[in-house]
Protein backbone atom coordinates (compact mmCIF):
# COMPACT_ATOMS: atom_id res chain seq x y z
CA MET A 1 -67.93 -107.95 36.10
CA LYS A 2 -66.90 -105.36 33.52
CA TYR A 3 -65.26 -102.83 35.84
CA PHE A 4 -62.82 -103.32 38.69
CA PRO A 5 -62.57 -100.44 41.21
CA LYS A 6 -58.98 -99.32 41.65
CA LEU A 7 -59.68 -95.98 43.34
CA THR A 8 -63.05 -95.35 44.96
CA GLY A 9 -64.69 -92.08 45.94
CA PRO A 10 -68.14 -91.25 47.29
CA ARG A 11 -69.91 -91.37 43.90
CA VAL A 12 -67.41 -92.63 41.31
CA TYR A 13 -64.58 -95.07 41.05
CA LEU A 14 -61.68 -95.43 38.65
CA SER A 15 -61.36 -98.77 36.93
CA PRO A 16 -58.89 -100.19 34.44
CA ILE A 17 -60.14 -99.46 30.93
CA CYS A 18 -62.46 -102.08 29.47
CA LEU A 19 -61.71 -102.66 25.79
CA ASP A 20 -65.36 -103.63 25.26
CA ASP A 21 -66.20 -99.92 25.71
CA ALA A 22 -64.53 -98.95 22.42
CA GLU A 23 -67.87 -98.28 20.71
CA THR A 24 -68.98 -95.91 23.49
CA TYR A 25 -65.67 -94.03 23.41
CA THR A 26 -65.85 -93.84 19.61
CA ARG A 27 -69.30 -92.24 19.83
CA TRP A 28 -68.09 -89.74 22.43
CA LEU A 29 -64.89 -88.85 20.58
CA ASN A 30 -66.78 -88.10 17.39
CA ASP A 31 -69.17 -85.75 19.21
CA LEU A 32 -68.02 -82.12 18.92
CA ARG A 33 -69.87 -81.27 22.13
CA VAL A 34 -67.28 -83.47 23.87
CA THR A 35 -64.17 -82.99 21.74
CA ARG A 36 -64.35 -79.20 21.37
CA TYR A 37 -62.56 -79.10 24.73
CA LEU A 38 -60.01 -81.77 23.75
CA THR A 39 -57.29 -81.81 21.11
CA LEU A 40 -59.43 -84.29 19.16
CA ALA A 41 -61.99 -81.87 17.67
CA PRO A 42 -60.46 -81.85 14.16
CA LYS A 43 -59.99 -85.62 14.10
CA GLN A 44 -62.36 -88.44 13.33
CA MET A 45 -62.08 -91.64 15.31
CA SER A 46 -62.93 -94.98 13.74
CA LEU A 47 -63.97 -97.90 15.90
CA GLN A 48 -60.73 -99.70 15.08
CA SER A 49 -58.54 -96.70 15.87
CA GLU A 50 -60.33 -96.30 19.22
CA ARG A 51 -59.85 -100.01 20.01
CA ASP A 52 -56.14 -99.57 19.31
CA ALA A 53 -55.99 -96.39 21.41
CA LEU A 54 -57.76 -98.03 24.35
CA ALA A 55 -55.45 -101.03 24.18
CA SER A 56 -52.46 -98.69 24.36
CA LEU A 57 -53.98 -96.51 27.11
CA SER A 58 -54.89 -99.53 29.21
CA ARG A 59 -51.20 -100.34 29.67
CA GLU A 60 -50.51 -97.00 31.38
CA HIS A 61 -52.09 -94.99 34.21
CA ASN A 62 -55.40 -94.45 32.39
CA TYR A 63 -58.77 -95.32 33.88
CA ALA A 64 -62.44 -95.43 33.13
CA ILE A 65 -64.51 -93.11 35.30
CA VAL A 66 -67.46 -95.19 36.50
CA LEU A 67 -70.53 -94.11 38.43
CA LYS A 68 -70.83 -96.37 41.47
CA GLU A 69 -74.62 -96.47 41.26
CA GLY A 70 -75.29 -98.79 38.33
CA ASP A 71 -71.65 -99.15 37.22
CA GLU A 72 -72.20 -96.62 34.41
CA LEU A 73 -69.22 -95.54 32.31
CA LEU A 74 -68.91 -91.74 32.53
CA GLY A 75 -65.61 -90.96 30.85
CA ASN A 76 -61.87 -91.36 31.06
CA ILE A 77 -58.97 -89.98 33.08
CA GLY A 78 -55.28 -90.66 32.96
CA LEU A 79 -51.74 -89.67 33.77
CA MET A 80 -49.50 -89.14 30.76
CA ASP A 81 -45.77 -88.62 30.41
CA VAL A 82 -45.18 -89.96 33.91
CA ASP A 83 -41.57 -89.24 34.85
CA LEU A 84 -40.61 -91.13 38.01
CA VAL A 85 -37.17 -89.48 38.14
CA ASP A 86 -38.39 -85.87 38.13
CA ARG A 87 -41.71 -86.95 39.74
CA THR A 88 -43.94 -85.20 37.19
CA ALA A 89 -46.91 -86.12 35.02
CA GLU A 90 -49.66 -84.55 32.97
CA VAL A 91 -53.32 -85.38 33.49
CA GLY A 92 -56.19 -85.47 31.03
CA LEU A 93 -59.84 -86.28 31.53
CA PHE A 94 -63.27 -86.03 29.99
CA ILE A 95 -66.86 -86.88 30.80
CA GLY A 96 -68.45 -88.31 27.66
CA GLU A 97 -72.17 -87.76 28.11
CA ALA A 98 -73.31 -84.12 28.05
CA SER A 99 -76.04 -84.98 30.58
CA ARG A 100 -73.37 -86.12 33.07
CA GLN A 101 -71.14 -83.05 32.72
CA GLY A 102 -71.17 -80.32 35.36
CA LYS A 103 -72.23 -82.67 38.17
CA GLY A 104 -68.88 -82.94 39.97
CA TYR A 105 -67.92 -86.37 38.65
CA GLY A 106 -64.79 -84.99 36.94
CA THR A 107 -63.73 -83.19 40.11
CA GLU A 108 -64.09 -86.36 42.15
CA ALA A 109 -62.24 -88.46 39.56
CA LEU A 110 -59.44 -85.89 39.35
CA SER A 111 -59.07 -85.85 43.14
CA LEU A 112 -58.83 -89.65 43.16
CA LEU A 113 -56.19 -89.71 40.42
CA CYS A 114 -54.12 -86.92 41.98
CA ASP A 115 -54.23 -88.75 45.32
CA TYR A 116 -52.95 -91.86 43.54
CA GLY A 117 -50.27 -89.88 41.70
CA PHE A 118 -48.97 -88.14 44.81
CA ASN A 119 -49.41 -90.86 47.44
CA VAL A 120 -48.83 -94.06 45.49
CA LEU A 121 -46.60 -93.07 42.56
CA GLY A 122 -44.72 -90.43 44.57
CA LEU A 123 -45.23 -87.59 42.09
CA SER A 124 -44.44 -84.02 43.08
CA ASN A 125 -46.08 -82.07 40.25
CA ILE A 126 -49.10 -82.83 38.07
CA MET A 127 -49.82 -80.50 35.16
CA LEU A 128 -52.68 -80.11 32.71
CA ARG A 129 -53.64 -78.05 29.69
CA THR A 130 -57.05 -76.74 28.69
CA ALA A 131 -58.57 -74.27 26.25
CA ASP A 132 -59.24 -70.81 27.64
CA PHE A 133 -62.93 -71.10 26.72
CA ASN A 134 -63.37 -74.21 28.90
CA GLY A 135 -64.35 -72.37 32.07
CA ARG A 136 -66.26 -75.31 33.54
CA ALA A 137 -63.14 -77.50 33.41
CA GLN A 138 -60.98 -74.75 34.89
CA ALA A 139 -63.43 -74.43 37.80
CA CYS A 140 -63.19 -78.21 38.32
CA TYR A 141 -59.40 -78.09 38.32
CA ARG A 142 -59.33 -75.19 40.80
CA LYS A 143 -61.62 -77.12 43.19
CA VAL A 144 -59.00 -79.87 43.32
CA GLY A 145 -56.23 -77.30 43.94
CA PHE A 146 -54.74 -76.64 40.49
CA ARG A 147 -53.56 -73.12 39.74
CA GLU A 148 -52.83 -71.41 36.44
CA ILE A 149 -49.11 -71.18 35.70
CA GLY A 150 -49.20 -69.68 32.22
CA ARG A 151 -50.73 -69.51 28.78
CA ARG A 152 -49.69 -70.27 25.27
CA HIS A 153 -51.45 -67.58 23.29
CA ASP A 154 -53.41 -68.27 20.09
CA SER A 155 -52.36 -71.92 20.19
CA HIS A 156 -55.76 -73.62 19.94
CA PHE A 157 -57.93 -73.15 16.85
CA TYR A 158 -61.63 -73.91 17.20
CA ALA A 159 -64.85 -72.57 15.66
CA GLY A 160 -63.05 -70.12 13.40
CA SER A 161 -60.98 -68.46 16.13
CA PHE A 162 -57.68 -68.85 17.90
CA HIS A 163 -57.74 -69.39 21.66
CA ASP A 164 -55.13 -69.60 24.40
CA THR A 165 -54.03 -72.87 25.94
CA VAL A 166 -54.12 -72.52 29.72
CA TYR A 167 -51.47 -74.43 31.71
CA MET A 168 -52.28 -75.41 35.29
CA GLU A 169 -50.43 -77.41 37.94
CA LEU A 170 -50.91 -78.98 41.34
CA LEU A 171 -48.04 -79.72 43.70
CA ALA A 172 -48.04 -82.63 46.14
CA ARG A 173 -47.43 -80.28 49.06
CA ASP A 174 -50.61 -78.35 48.17
CA PHE A 175 -52.83 -81.40 47.78
CA GLY A 176 -55.50 -82.01 50.41
CA ALA A 177 -56.44 -85.11 52.34
CA SER A 178 -55.70 -88.56 50.98
CA ILE A 179 -58.08 -91.49 50.74
CA VAL A 180 -55.35 -93.98 49.85
CA PRO A 181 -55.41 -96.69 52.54
CA GLY A 182 -52.65 -96.14 55.09
CA VAL A 183 -51.93 -92.55 54.04
CA LYS A 184 -52.70 -89.77 56.49
CA ASP A 185 -55.08 -91.94 58.60
């Protein structure tokens, strides 16, 4: 088996990253349709650099987003800068295939990871950043409960223009129902 469900939702599960997926991630991360919403748009990713990145990511709270039906890799999600003293972290995610975007998979994966962050790791605050022109992602984040807390103006350059970086957060006390076994059942 290539994937190992860590957190399971109705349609997707989060699995530890499989290093054998480096070629798929490399293809996605060199596709401007995917990276225009990430900080990676001006970068090129070689297969070796992606292998190295996945190896590093796999040692932290980063997961493959996998469609339950057919065990299809959809993208990646992870907690970064986890601070277990102040109980904070930042989250990042992407769905790699354009045909799989906008179908709610990111929302489900984000709910799973926030549940894990709040109810297993004991976090209090999870933050994220996104470009102001990424309305679909902002809608996803709001569905999970994130709210905008500020903007850094003209801080993201893409397609010949400067854009704002939108900062959003979700607090543990505002998070909905948990699916973590033994929590809120």
